[in-house]
Amino acid sequence: MSVKLYSFEEVSKHNSREDLWMIIDGKVYDITKFQDEHPGGEEVLIDEGAKDATGPFEDVGHTDDARKLLEQYYIGDVDPASEPVKPVKQAQAVAAGPQGNPLRILIPLLLLAAWAYYNFLR
């Protein structure tokens, strides 16, 4: 039985809650159905999904039981000839530009001006 090979580009297309793949140690896993069961919550899987998550997986220190559980979601291996790609969701965040509310700067400045007026100009 031959192992199905997936490119990094193919894996990166599976990046939503309804269709989520992940690479760990060169193996591709379809973790879509596991999201609700993940003890760390689904958000961490969505954040690390659609790319090689070997580093974050190892950093958490998953148990042997967790590694065994992963086997049921295995769908193939990463094609060694493919090149890693940046997941779409990260590229969209960069294209959107800096995030933040300008009121977080404006309100303290207004409070400072009111304080200065009250204490010095009144």
PDB file of N, CA and C in Angstrom:
ATOM      1  N   MET A   1       0.844  -1.177   0.000  1.00  0.00           N
ATOM      2  CA  MET A   1       0.000   0.000   0.000  1.00  0.00           C
ATOM      3  C   MET A   1       0.891   1.242   0.000  1.00  0.00           C
ATOM      4  N   SER A   2       0.693   2.114  -0.975  1.00  0.00           N
ATOM      5  CA  SER A   2       1.514   3.312  -1.053  1.00  0.00           C
ATOM      6  C   SER A   2       0.923   4.429  -0.200  1.00  0.00           C
ATOM      7  N   VAL A   3       1.812   5.257   0.290  1.00  0.00           N
ATOM      8  CA  VAL A   3       1.418   6.371   1.146  1.00  0.00           C
ATOM      9  C   VAL A   3       1.080   7.566   0.267  1.00  0.00           C
ATOM     10  N   LYS A   4      -0.018   8.210   0.556  1.00  0.00           N
ATOM     11  CA  LYS A   4      -0.436   9.414  -0.170  1.00  0.00           C
ATOM     12  C   LYS A   4       0.486  10.562   0.221  1.00  0.00           C
ATOM     13  N   LEU A   5       0.982  11.310  -0.774  1.00  0.00           N
ATOM     14  CA  LEU A   5       1.848  12.466  -0.532  1.00  0.00           C
ATOM     15  C   LEU A   5       1.077  13.752  -0.775  1.00  0.00           C
ATOM     16  N   TYR A   6       1.262  14.713   0.116  1.00  0.00           N
ATOM     17  CA  TYR A   6       0.618  16.025   0.006  1.00  0.00           C
ATOM     18  C   TYR A   6       1.692  17.104   0.017  1.00  0.00           C
ATOM     19  N   SER A   7       1.526  18.086  -0.827  1.00  0.00           N
ATOM     20  CA  SER A   7       2.457  19.213  -0.830  1.00  0.00           C
ATOM     21  C   SER A   7       2.101  20.170   0.306  1.00  0.00           C
ATOM     22  N   PHE A   8       3.052  21.012   0.677  1.00  0.00           N
ATOM     23  CA  PHE A   8       2.777  22.042   1.681  1.00  0.00           C
ATOM     24  C   PHE A   8       1.642  22.951   1.200  1.00  0.00           C
ATOM     25  N   GLU A   9       1.619  23.217  -0.104  1.00  0.00           N
ATOM     26  CA  GLU A   9       0.575  24.074  -0.664  1.00  0.00           C
ATOM     27  C   GLU A   9      -0.808  23.443  -0.483  1.00  0.00           C
ATOM     28  N   GLU A  10      -0.914  22.144  -0.720  1.00  0.00           N
ATOM     29  CA  GLU A  10      -2.196  21.451  -0.544  1.00  0.00           C
ATOM     30  C   GLU A  10      -2.643  21.522   0.918  1.00  0.00           C
ATOM     31  N   VAL A  11      -1.726  21.279   1.839  1.00  0.00           N
ATOM     32  CA  VAL A  11      -2.064  21.330   3.267  1.00  0.00           C
ATOM     33  C   VAL A  11      -2.520  22.733   3.652  1.00  0.00           C
ATOM     34  N   SER A  12      -1.872  23.759   3.106  1.00  0.00           N
ATOM     35  CA  SER A  12      -2.207  25.140   3.476  1.00  0.00           C
ATOM     36  C   SER A  12      -3.624  25.531   3.074  1.00  0.00           C
ATOM     37  N   LYS A  13      -4.219  24.820   2.135  1.00  0.00           N
ATOM     38  CA  LYS A  13      -5.590  25.116   1.699  1.00  0.00           C
ATOM     39  C   LYS A  13      -6.641  24.605   2.692  1.00  0.00           C
ATOM     40  N   HIS A  14      -6.243  23.735   3.579  1.00  0.00           N
ATOM     41  CA  HIS A  14      -7.161  23.147   4.560  1.00  0.00           C
ATOM     42  C   HIS A  14      -6.973  23.894   5.879  1.00  0.00           C
ATOM     43  N   ASN A  15      -7.520  25.117   5.941  1.00  0.00           N
ATOM     44  CA  ASN A  15      -7.204  26.037   7.031  1.00  0.00           C
ATOM     45  C   ASN A  15      -8.434  26.617   7.732  1.00  0.00           C
ATOM     46  N   SER A  16      -9.536  25.892   7.705  1.00  0.00           N
ATOM     47  CA  SER A  16     -10.749  26.409   8.343  1.00  0.00           C
ATOM     48  C   SER A  16     -11.262  25.413   9.384  1.00  0.00           C
ATOM     49  N   ARG A  17     -12.157  25.875  10.214  1.00  0.00           N
ATOM     50  CA  ARG A  17     -12.737  25.006  11.243  1.00  0.00           C
ATOM     51  C   ARG A  17     -13.443  23.811  10.610  1.00  0.00           C
ATOM     52  N   GLU A  18     -14.002  24.006   9.427  1.00  0.00           N
ATOM     53  CA  GLU A  18     -14.740  22.939   8.738  1.00  0.00           C
ATOM     54  C   GLU A  18     -13.822  21.973   8.001  1.00  0.00           C
ATOM     55  N   ASP A  19     -12.565  22.349   7.811  1.00  0.00           N
ATOM     56  CA  ASP A  19     -11.620  21.532   7.045  1.00  0.00           C
ATOM     57  C   ASP A  19     -10.206  21.914   7.473  1.00  0.00           C
ATOM     58  N   LEU A  20      -9.650  21.181   8.441  1.00  0.00           N
ATOM     59  CA  LEU A  20      -8.369  21.564   9.033  1.00  0.00           C
ATOM     60  C   LEU A  20      -7.372  20.416   9.006  1.00  0.00           C
ATOM     61  N   TRP A  21      -6.236  20.673   8.360  1.00  0.00           N
ATOM     62  CA  TRP A  21      -5.151  19.707   8.310  1.00  0.00           C
ATOM     63  C   TRP A  21      -3.954  20.289   9.041  1.00  0.00           C
ATOM     64  N   MET A  22      -3.017  19.401   9.412  1.00  0.00           N
ATOM     65  CA  MET A  22      -1.825  19.818  10.127  1.00  0.00           C
ATOM     66  C   MET A  22      -0.696  18.853   9.798  1.00  0.00           C
ATOM     67  N   ILE A  23       0.519  19.367   9.808  1.00  0.00           N
ATOM     68  CA  ILE A  23       1.701  18.538   9.590  1.00  0.00           C
ATOM     69  C   ILE A  23       2.452  18.425  10.908  1.00  0.00           C
ATOM     70  N   ILE A  24       2.793  17.193  11.279  1.00  0.00           N
ATOM     71  CA  ILE A  24       3.627  16.948  12.452  1.00  0.00           C
ATOM     72  C   ILE A  24       4.628  15.861  12.080  1.00  0.00           C
ATOM     73  N   ASP A  25       5.891  16.188  12.218  1.00  0.00           N
ATOM     74  CA  ASP A  25       6.983  15.257  11.895  1.00  0.00           C
ATOM     75  C   ASP A  25       6.873  14.681  10.483  1.00  0.00           C
ATOM     76  N   GLY A  26       6.516  15.524   9.518  1.00  0.00           N
ATOM     77  CA  GLY A  26       6.459  15.096   8.126  1.00  0.00           C
ATOM     78  C   GLY A  26       5.224  14.301   7.754  1.00  0.00           C
ATOM     79  N   LYS A  27       4.311  14.135   8.680  1.00  0.00           N
ATOM     80  CA  LYS A  27       3.069  13.406   8.414  1.00  0.00           C
ATOM     81  C   LYS A  27       1.903  14.390   8.401  1.00  0.00           C
ATOM     82  N   VAL A  28       0.927  14.117   7.552  1.00  0.00           N
ATOM     83  CA  VAL A  28      -0.239  14.992   7.405  1.00  0.00           C
ATOM     84  C   VAL A  28      -1.418  14.363   8.138  1.00  0.00           C
ATOM     85  N   TYR A  29      -2.093  15.211   8.921  1.00  0.00           N
ATOM     86  CA  TYR A  29      -3.241  14.761   9.702  1.00  0.00           C
ATOM     87  C   TYR A  29      -4.450  15.638   9.399  1.00  0.00           C
ATOM     88  N   ASP A  30      -5.597  15.005   9.212  1.00  0.00           N
ATOM     89  CA  ASP A  30      -6.860  15.730   9.065  1.00  0.00           C
ATOM     90  C   ASP A  30      -7.470  15.787  10.464  1.00  0.00           C
ATOM     91  N   ILE A  31      -7.323  16.942  11.119  1.00  0.00           N
ATOM     92  CA  ILE A  31      -7.753  17.077  12.514  1.00  0.00           C
ATOM     93  C   ILE A  31      -9.099  17.775  12.641  1.00  0.00           C
ATOM     94  N   THR A  32      -9.841  17.835  11.555  1.00  0.00           N
ATOM     95  CA  THR A  32     -11.130  18.518  11.562  1.00  0.00           C
ATOM     96  C   THR A  32     -12.039  17.988  12.672  1.00  0.00           C
ATOM     97  N   LYS A  33     -12.171  16.692  12.785  1.00  0.00           N
ATOM     98  CA  LYS A  33     -13.097  16.089  13.761  1.00  0.00           C
ATOM     99  C   LYS A  33     -12.533  16.089  15.183  1.00  0.00           C
ATOM    100  N   PHE A  34     -11.253  16.372  15.333  1.00  0.00           N
ATOM    101  CA  PHE A  34     -10.628  16.344  16.657  1.00  0.00           C
ATOM    102  C   PHE A  34     -10.750  17.675  17.407  1.00  0.00           C
ATOM    103  N   GLN A  35     -11.106  18.738  16.724  1.00  0.00           N
ATOM    104  CA  GLN A  35     -11.102  20.068  17.332  1.00  0.00           C
ATOM    105  C   GLN A  35     -11.934  20.152  18.609  1.00  0.00           C
ATOM    106  N   ASP A  36     -13.116  19.565  18.610  1.00  0.00           N
ATOM    107  CA  ASP A  36     -13.983  19.628  19.784  1.00  0.00           C
ATOM    108  C   ASP A  36     -13.433  18.807  20.957  1.00  0.00           C
ATOM    109  N   GLU A  37     -12.595  17.831  20.670  1.00  0.00           N
ATOM    110  CA  GLU A  37     -12.052  16.958  21.705  1.00  0.00           C
ATOM    111  C   GLU A  37     -10.718  17.451  22.262  1.00  0.00           C
ATOM    112  N   HIS A  38     -10.061  18.375  21.571  1.00  0.00           N
ATOM    113  CA  HIS A  38      -8.721  18.810  21.967  1.00  0.00           C
ATOM    114  C   HIS A  38      -8.745  19.468  23.351  1.00  0.00           C
ATOM    115  N   PRO A  39      -7.973  18.948  24.298  1.00  0.00           N
ATOM    116  CA  PRO A  39      -7.988  19.494  25.659  1.00  0.00           C
ATOM    117  C   PRO A  39      -7.555  20.963  25.729  1.00  0.00           C
ATOM    118  N   GLY A  40      -6.721  21.408  24.797  1.00  0.00           N
ATOM    119  CA  GLY A  40      -6.260  22.792  24.788  1.00  0.00           C
ATOM    120  C   GLY A  40      -7.205  23.735  24.077  1.00  0.00           C
ATOM    121  N   GLY A  41      -8.307  23.216  23.577  1.00  0.00           N
ATOM    122  CA  GLY A  41      -9.271  24.040  22.864  1.00  0.00           C
ATOM    123  C   GLY A  41      -9.017  24.031  21.369  1.00  0.00           C
ATOM    124  N   GLU A  42     -10.052  24.385  20.631  1.00  0.00           N
ATOM    125  CA  GLU A  42      -9.955  24.351  19.167  1.00  0.00           C
ATOM    126  C   GLU A  42      -9.120  25.502  18.618  1.00  0.00           C
ATOM    127  N   GLU A  43      -9.071  26.617  19.333  1.00  0.00           N
ATOM    128  CA  GLU A  43      -8.388  27.811  18.827  1.00  0.00           C
ATOM    129  C   GLU A  43      -6.908  27.558  18.552  1.00  0.00           C
ATOM    130  N   VAL A  44      -6.258  26.812  19.434  1.00  0.00           N
ATOM    131  CA  VAL A  44      -4.838  26.523  19.236  1.00  0.00           C
ATOM    132  C   VAL A  44      -4.641  25.675  17.982  1.00  0.00           C
ATOM    133  N   LEU A  45      -5.561  24.768  17.707  1.00  0.00           N
ATOM    134  CA  LEU A  45      -5.462  23.950  16.497  1.00  0.00           C
ATOM    135  C   LEU A  45      -5.674  24.796  15.254  1.00  0.00           C
ATOM    136  N   ILE A  46      -6.621  25.702  15.310  1.00  0.00           N
ATOM    137  CA  ILE A  46      -6.879  26.574  14.164  1.00  0.00           C
ATOM    138  C   ILE A  46      -5.682  27.485  13.917  1.00  0.00           C
ATOM    139  N   ASP A  47      -5.075  27.994  14.997  1.00  0.00           N
ATOM    140  CA  ASP A  47      -3.903  28.859  14.859  1.00  0.00           C
ATOM    141  C   ASP A  47      -2.719  28.128  14.247  1.00  0.00           C
ATOM    142  N   GLU A  48      -2.527  26.880  14.618  1.00  0.00           N
ATOM    143  CA  GLU A  48      -1.371  26.120  14.141  1.00  0.00           C
ATOM    144  C   GLU A  48      -1.690  25.232  12.944  1.00  0.00           C
ATOM    145  N   GLY A  49      -2.951  25.191  12.537  1.00  0.00           N
ATOM    146  CA  GLY A  49      -3.355  24.330  11.431  1.00  0.00           C
ATOM    147  C   GLY A  49      -2.892  24.846  10.091  1.00  0.00           C
ATOM    148  N   ALA A  50      -2.994  24.001   9.092  1.00  0.00           N
ATOM    149  CA  ALA A  50      -2.676  24.301   7.696  1.00  0.00           C
ATOM    150  C   ALA A  50      -1.193  24.551   7.469  1.00  0.00           C
ATOM    151  N   LYS A  51      -0.351  24.062   8.377  1.00  0.00           N
ATOM    152  CA  LYS A  51       1.097  24.241   8.228  1.00  0.00           C
ATOM    153  C   LYS A  51       1.820  23.178   9.047  1.00  0.00           C
ATOM    154  N   ASP A  52       3.127  23.264   9.043  1.00  0.00           N
ATOM    155  CA  ASP A  52       3.929  22.349   9.850  1.00  0.00           C
ATOM    156  C   ASP A  52       3.887  22.817  11.299  1.00  0.00           C
ATOM    157  N   ALA A  53       3.245  22.045  12.145  1.00  0.00           N
ATOM    158  CA  ALA A  53       3.083  22.390  13.559  1.00  0.00           C
ATOM    159  C   ALA A  53       3.960  21.520  14.455  1.00  0.00           C
ATOM    160  N   THR A  54       5.025  20.969  13.895  1.00  0.00           N
ATOM    161  CA  THR A  54       5.904  20.088  14.666  1.00  0.00           C
ATOM    162  C   THR A  54       6.485  20.815  15.879  1.00  0.00           C
ATOM    163  N   GLY A  55       7.002  22.019  15.684  1.00  0.00           N
ATOM    164  CA  GLY A  55       7.606  22.781  16.776  1.00  0.00           C
ATOM    165  C   GLY A  55       6.632  23.033  17.915  1.00  0.00           C
ATOM    166  N   PRO A  56       5.472  23.650  17.632  1.00  0.00           N
ATOM    167  CA  PRO A  56       4.505  23.874  18.707  1.00  0.00           C
ATOM    168  C   PRO A  56       4.029  22.571  19.362  1.00  0.00           C
ATOM    169  N   PHE A  57       3.876  21.517  18.585  1.00  0.00           N
ATOM    170  CA  PHE A  57       3.445  20.225  19.132  1.00  0.00           C
ATOM    171  C   PHE A  57       4.477  19.706  20.133  1.00  0.00           C
ATOM    172  N   GLU A  58       5.756  19.801  19.764  1.00  0.00           N
ATOM    173  CA  GLU A  58       6.826  19.335  20.643  1.00  0.00           C
ATOM    174  C   GLU A  58       6.981  20.252  21.854  1.00  0.00           C
ATOM    175  N   ASP A  59       6.815  21.552  21.663  1.00  0.00           N
ATOM    176  CA  ASP A  59       6.981  22.516  22.759  1.00  0.00           C
ATOM    177  C   ASP A  59       5.998  22.272  23.896  1.00  0.00           C
ATOM    178  N   VAL A  60       4.799  21.832  23.555  1.00  0.00           N
ATOM    179  CA  VAL A  60       3.775  21.589  24.575  1.00  0.00           C
ATOM    180  C   VAL A  60       4.114  20.345  25.401  1.00  0.00           C
ATOM    181  N   GLY A  61       4.863  19.432  24.815  1.00  0.00           N
ATOM    182  CA  GLY A  61       5.228  18.215  25.536  1.00  0.00           C
ATOM    183  C   GLY A  61       4.103  17.209  25.586  1.00  0.00           C
ATOM    184  N   HIS A  62       3.528  16.901  24.438  1.00  0.00           N
ATOM    185  CA  HIS A  62       2.427  15.943  24.385  1.00  0.00           C
ATOM    186  C   HIS A  62       2.867  14.567  24.889  1.00  0.00           C
ATOM    187  N   THR A  63       1.953  13.874  25.526  1.00  0.00           N
ATOM    188  CA  THR A  63       2.217  12.548  26.075  1.00  0.00           C
ATOM    189  C   THR A  63       2.238  11.502  24.961  1.00  0.00           C
ATOM    190  N   ASP A  64       2.673  10.305  25.328  1.00  0.00           N
ATOM    191  CA  ASP A  64       2.646   9.193  24.382  1.00  0.00           C
ATOM    192  C   ASP A  64       1.209   8.874  23.977  1.00  0.00           C
ATOM    193  N   ASP A  65       0.277   9.043  24.917  1.00  0.00           N
ATOM    194  CA  ASP A  65      -1.141   8.807  24.609  1.00  0.00           C
ATOM    195  C   ASP A  65      -1.634   9.790  23.548  1.00  0.00           C
ATOM    196  N   ALA A  66      -1.199  11.045  23.634  1.00  0.00           N
ATOM    197  CA  ALA A  66      -1.595  12.045  22.642  1.00  0.00           C
ATOM    198  C   ALA A  66      -1.030  11.689  21.275  1.00  0.00           C
ATOM    199  N   ARG A  67       0.201  11.218  21.262  1.00  0.00           N
ATOM    200  CA  ARG A  67       0.819  10.812  19.986  1.00  0.00           C
ATOM    201  C   ARG A  67       0.090   9.610  19.386  1.00  0.00           C
ATOM    202  N   LYS A  68      -0.325   8.695  20.247  1.00  0.00           N
ATOM    203  CA  LYS A  68      -1.077   7.516  19.783  1.00  0.00           C
ATOM    204  C   LYS A  68      -2.441   7.936  19.223  1.00  0.00           C
ATOM    205  N   LEU A  69      -3.094   8.892  19.898  1.00  0.00           N
ATOM    206  CA  LEU A  69      -4.390   9.398  19.464  1.00  0.00           C
ATOM    207  C   LEU A  69      -4.285  10.039  18.075  1.00  0.00           C
ATOM    208  N   LEU A  70      -3.162  10.662  17.809  1.00  0.00           N
ATOM    209  CA  LEU A  70      -2.933  11.345  16.534  1.00  0.00           C
ATOM    210  C   LEU A  70      -2.988  10.384  15.347  1.00  0.00           C
ATOM    211  N   GLU A  71      -2.617   9.134  15.579  1.00  0.00           N
ATOM    212  CA  GLU A  71      -2.544   8.147  14.498  1.00  0.00           C
ATOM    213  C   GLU A  71      -3.860   7.995  13.732  1.00  0.00           C
ATOM    214  N   GLN A  72      -4.988   8.106  14.422  1.00  0.00           N
ATOM    215  CA  GLN A  72      -6.275   7.895  13.749  1.00  0.00           C
ATOM    216  C   GLN A  72      -6.612   9.012  12.756  1.00  0.00           C
ATOM    217  N   TYR A  73      -5.902  10.143  12.834  1.00  0.00           N
ATOM    218  CA  TYR A  73      -6.156  11.279  11.941  1.00  0.00           C
ATOM    219  C   TYR A  73      -5.142  11.350  10.793  1.00  0.00           C
ATOM    220  N   TYR A  74      -4.214  10.403  10.755  1.00  0.00           N
ATOM    221  CA  TYR A  74      -3.173  10.354   9.721  1.00  0.00           C
ATOM    222  C   TYR A  74      -3.783  10.100   8.346  1.00  0.00           C
ATOM    223  N   ILE A  75      -3.399  10.945   7.358  1.00  0.00           N
ATOM    224  CA  ILE A  75      -3.914  10.753   5.993  1.00  0.00           C
ATOM    225  C   ILE A  75      -2.800  10.617   4.955  1.00  0.00           C
ATOM    226  N   GLY A  76      -1.559  10.883   5.334  1.00  0.00           N
ATOM    227  CA  GLY A  76      -0.455  10.748   4.393  1.00  0.00           C
ATOM    228  C   GLY A  76       0.784  11.471   4.881  1.00  0.00           C
ATOM    229  N   ASP A  77       1.758  11.585   3.976  1.00  0.00           N
ATOM    230  CA  ASP A  77       3.021  12.244   4.298  1.00  0.00           C
ATOM    231  C   ASP A  77       3.184  13.511   3.467  1.00  0.00           C
ATOM    232  N   VAL A  78       4.078  14.365   3.922  1.00  0.00           N
ATOM    233  CA  VAL A  78       4.411  15.565   3.158  1.00  0.00           C
ATOM    234  C   VAL A  78       5.333  15.155   2.022  1.00  0.00           C
ATOM    235  N   ASP A  79       5.062  15.656   0.843  1.00  0.00           N
ATOM    236  CA  ASP A  79       5.912  15.402  -0.318  1.00  0.00           C
ATOM    237  C   ASP A  79       7.263  16.071  -0.070  1.00  0.00           C
ATOM    238  N   PRO A  80       8.344  15.296  -0.013  1.00  0.00           N
ATOM    239  CA  PRO A  80       9.652  15.887   0.273  1.00  0.00           C
ATOM    240  C   PRO A  80      10.121  16.874  -0.804  1.00  0.00           C
ATOM    241  N   ALA A  81       9.528  16.815  -1.986  1.00  0.00           N
ATOM    242  CA  ALA A  81       9.914  17.741  -3.059  1.00  0.00           C
ATOM    243  C   ALA A  81       9.197  19.086  -2.951  1.00  0.00           C
ATOM    244  N   SER A  82       8.194  19.198  -2.086  1.00  0.00           N
ATOM    245  CA  SER A  82       7.443  20.455  -1.987  1.00  0.00           C
ATOM    246  C   SER A  82       8.142  21.418  -1.032  1.00  0.00           C
ATOM    247  N   GLU A  83       7.830  22.688  -1.210  1.00  0.00           N
ATOM    248  CA  GLU A  83       8.413  23.750  -0.397  1.00  0.00           C
ATOM    249  C   GLU A  83       7.357  24.294   0.562  1.00  0.00           C
ATOM    250  N   PRO A  84       7.741  24.615   1.806  1.00  0.00           N
ATOM    251  CA  PRO A  84       6.776  25.223   2.739  1.00  0.00           C
ATOM    252  C   PRO A  84       6.233  26.542   2.183  1.00  0.00           C
ATOM    253  N   VAL A  85       4.965  26.790   2.463  1.00  0.00           N
ATOM    254  CA  VAL A  85       4.323  28.036   2.038  1.00  0.00           C
ATOM    255  C   VAL A  85       3.717  28.705   3.259  1.00  0.00           C
ATOM    256  N   LYS A  86       3.522  30.003   3.132  1.00  0.00           N
ATOM    257  CA  LYS A  86       2.885  30.752   4.216  1.00  0.00           C
ATOM    258  C   LYS A  86       1.382  30.512   4.133  1.00  0.00           C
ATOM    259  N   PRO A  87       0.748  30.092   5.239  1.00  0.00           N
ATOM    260  CA  PRO A  87      -0.700  29.870   5.211  1.00  0.00           C
ATOM    261  C   PRO A  87      -1.449  31.145   4.835  1.00  0.00           C
ATOM    262  N   VAL A  88      -2.575  30.986   4.175  1.00  0.00           N
ATOM    263  CA  VAL A  88      -3.371  32.110   3.686  1.00  0.00           C
ATOM    264  C   VAL A  88      -3.797  33.029   4.817  1.00  0.00           C
ATOM    265  N   LYS A  89      -4.221  32.488   5.938  1.00  0.00           N
ATOM    266  CA  LYS A  89      -4.726  33.333   7.016  1.00  0.00           C
ATOM    267  C   LYS A  89      -3.653  34.272   7.553  1.00  0.00           C
ATOM    268  N   GLN A  90      -2.383  33.863   7.564  1.00  0.00           N
ATOM    269  CA  GLN A  90      -1.317  34.747   8.013  1.00  0.00           C
ATOM    270  C   GLN A  90      -1.067  35.846   6.990  1.00  0.00           C
ATOM    271  N   ALA A  91      -1.099  35.513   5.712  1.00  0.00           N
ATOM    272  CA  ALA A  91      -0.870  36.512   4.677  1.00  0.00           C
ATOM    273  C   ALA A  91      -1.959  37.575   4.704  1.00  0.00           C
ATOM    274  N   GLN A  92      -3.195  37.186   4.978  1.00  0.00           N
ATOM    275  CA  GLN A  92      -4.287  38.150   5.053  1.00  0.00           C
ATOM    276  C   GLN A  92      -4.084  39.110   6.220  1.00  0.00           C
ATOM    277  N   ALA A  93      -3.602  38.611   7.342  1.00  0.00           N
ATOM    278  CA  ALA A  93      -3.396  39.468   8.509  1.00  0.00           C
ATOM    279  C   ALA A  93      -2.312  40.500   8.233  1.00  0.00           C
ATOM    280  N   VAL A  94      -1.260  40.117   7.533  1.00  0.00           N
ATOM    281  CA  VAL A  94      -0.190  41.051   7.200  1.00  0.00           C
ATOM    282  C   VAL A  94      -0.696  42.097   6.225  1.00  0.00           C
ATOM    283  N   ALA A  95      -1.500  41.685   5.250  1.00  0.00           N
ATOM    284  CA  ALA A  95      -2.011  42.611   4.241  1.00  0.00           C
ATOM    285  C   ALA A  95      -2.981  43.624   4.847  1.00  0.00           C
ATOM    286  N   ALA A  96      -3.619  43.274   5.947  1.00  0.00           N
ATOM    287  CA  ALA A  96      -4.592  44.168   6.567  1.00  0.00           C
ATOM    288  C   ALA A  96      -3.928  45.354   7.256  1.00  0.00           C
ATOM    289  N   GLY A  97      -2.641  45.260   7.518  1.00  0.00           N
ATOM    290  CA  GLY A  97      -1.929  46.368   8.146  1.00  0.00           C
ATOM    291  C   GLY A  97      -2.033  46.306   9.655  1.00  0.00           C
ATOM    292  N   PRO A  98      -1.509  47.343  10.319  1.00  0.00           N
ATOM    293  CA  PRO A  98      -1.512  47.329  11.781  1.00  0.00           C
ATOM    294  C   PRO A  98      -2.926  47.352  12.348  1.00  0.00           C
ATOM    295  N   GLN A  99      -3.078  46.649  13.423  1.00  0.00           N
ATOM    296  CA  GLN A  99      -4.382  46.572  14.074  1.00  0.00           C
ATOM    297  C   GLN A  99      -4.356  47.402  15.346  1.00  0.00           C
ATOM    298  N   GLY A 100      -5.504  47.876  15.767  1.00  0.00           N
ATOM    299  CA  GLY A 100      -5.580  48.597  17.024  1.00  0.00           C
ATOM    300  C   GLY A 100      -6.590  49.715  16.943  1.00  0.00           C
ATOM    301  N   ASN A 101      -7.012  50.154  18.080  1.00  0.00           N
ATOM    302  CA  ASN A 101      -8.008  51.199  18.172  1.00  0.00           C
ATOM    303  C   ASN A 101      -7.302  52.509  18.500  1.00  0.00           C
ATOM    304  N   PRO A 102      -7.474  53.549  17.697  1.00  0.00           N
ATOM    305  CA  PRO A 102      -6.792  54.817  17.972  1.00  0.00           C
ATOM    306  C   PRO A 102      -7.251  55.464  19.281  1.00  0.00           C
ATOM    307  N   LEU A 103      -8.399  55.053  19.800  1.00  0.00           N
ATOM    308  CA  LEU A 103      -8.870  55.604  21.068  1.00  0.00           C
ATOM    309  C   LEU A 103      -7.959  55.230  22.234  1.00  0.00           C
ATOM    310  N   ARG A 104      -7.212  54.154  22.104  1.00  0.00           N
ATOM    311  CA  ARG A 104      -6.321  53.761  23.196  1.00  0.00           C
ATOM    312  C   ARG A 104      -5.210  54.779  23.393  1.00  0.00           C
ATOM    313  N   ILE A 105      -4.932  55.594  22.396  1.00  0.00           N
ATOM    314  CA  ILE A 105      -3.957  56.677  22.513  1.00  0.00           C
ATOM    315  C   ILE A 105      -4.668  58.000  22.774  1.00  0.00           C
ATOM    316  N   LEU A 106      -5.763  58.223  22.098  1.00  0.00           N
ATOM    317  CA  LEU A 106      -6.479  59.495  22.192  1.00  0.00           C
ATOM    318  C   LEU A 106      -7.059  59.751  23.586  1.00  0.00           C
ATOM    319  N   ILE A 107      -7.641  58.744  24.202  1.00  0.00           N
ATOM    320  CA  ILE A 107      -8.272  58.928  25.516  1.00  0.00           C
ATOM    321  C   ILE A 107      -7.239  59.322  26.587  1.00  0.00           C
ATOM    322  N   PRO A 108      -6.098  58.630  26.696  1.00  0.00           N
ATOM    323  CA  PRO A 108      -5.104  59.069  27.686  1.00  0.00           C
ATOM    324  C   PRO A 108      -4.599  60.496  27.426  1.00  0.00           C
ATOM    325  N   LEU A 109      -4.454  60.862  26.143  1.00  0.00           N
ATOM    326  CA  LEU A 109      -4.017  62.225  25.831  1.00  0.00           C
ATOM    327  C   LEU A 109      -5.054  63.257  26.266  1.00  0.00           C
ATOM    328  N   LEU A 110      -6.321  62.950  26.057  1.00  0.00           N
ATOM    329  CA  LEU A 110      -7.383  63.854  26.493  1.00  0.00           C
ATOM    330  C   LEU A 110      -7.416  63.975  28.015  1.00  0.00           C
ATOM    331  N   LEU A 111      -7.232  62.864  28.710  1.00  0.00           N
ATOM    332  CA  LEU A 111      -7.194  62.897  30.169  1.00  0.00           C
ATOM    333  C   LEU A 111      -6.004  63.709  30.672  1.00  0.00           C
ATOM    334  N   LEU A 112      -4.865  63.557  30.031  1.00  0.00           N
ATOM    335  CA  LEU A 112      -3.681  64.328  30.390  1.00  0.00           C
ATOM    336  C   LEU A 112      -3.909  65.819  30.153  1.00  0.00           C
ATOM    337  N   ALA A 113      -4.510  66.165  29.034  1.00  0.00           N
ATOM    338  CA  ALA A 113      -4.803  67.569  28.734  1.00  0.00           C
ATOM    339  C   ALA A 113      -5.786  68.151  29.745  1.00  0.00           C
ATOM    340  N   ALA A 114      -6.799  67.402  30.120  1.00  0.00           N
ATOM    341  CA  ALA A 114      -7.767  67.878  31.111  1.00  0.00           C
ATOM    342  C   ALA A 114      -7.099  68.081  32.465  1.00  0.00           C
ATOM    343  N   TRP A 115      -6.218  67.158  32.840  1.00  0.00           N
ATOM    344  CA  TRP A 115      -5.494  67.281  34.104  1.00  0.00           C
ATOM    345  C   TRP A 115      -4.605  68.531  34.096  1.00  0.00           C
ATOM    346  N   ALA A 116      -3.863  68.741  32.985  1.00  0.00           N
ATOM    347  CA  ALA A 116      -2.991  69.891  32.867  1.00  0.00           C
ATOM    348  C   ALA A 116      -3.809  71.190  32.928  1.00  0.00           C
ATOM    349  N   TYR A 117      -4.898  71.238  32.229  1.00  0.00           N
ATOM    350  CA  TYR A 117      -5.756  72.431  32.240  1.00  0.00           C
ATOM    351  C   TYR A 117      -6.255  72.727  33.649  1.00  0.00           C
ATOM    352  N   TYR A 118      -6.723  71.702  34.317  1.00  0.00           N
ATOM    353  CA  TYR A 118      -7.280  71.876  35.669  1.00  0.00           C
ATOM    354  C   TYR A 118      -6.211  72.363  36.651  1.00  0.00           C
ATOM    355  N   ASN A 119      -4.992  71.791  36.551  1.00  0.00           N
ATOM    356  CA  ASN A 119      -3.946  72.114  37.516  1.00  0.00           C
ATOM    357  C   ASN A 119      -3.124  73.353  37.179  1.00  0.00           C
ATOM    358  N   PHE A 120      -3.002  73.726  35.927  1.00  0.00           N
ATOM    359  CA  PHE A 120      -2.092  74.806  35.572  1.00  0.00           C
ATOM    360  C   PHE A 120      -2.759  76.024  34.916  1.00  0.00           C
ATOM    361  N   LEU A 121      -3.814  75.824  34.211  1.00  0.00           N
ATOM    362  CA  LEU A 121      -4.399  76.926  33.450  1.00  0.00           C
ATOM    363  C   LEU A 121      -5.670  77.465  34.062  1.00  0.00           C
ATOM    364  N   ARG A 122      -6.137  76.918  35.068  1.00  0.00           N
ATOM    365  CA  ARG A 122      -7.382  77.338  35.693  1.00  0.00           C
ATOM    366  C   ARG A 122      -7.179  78.486  36.606  1.00  0.00           C
TER     367      ARG A 122
END
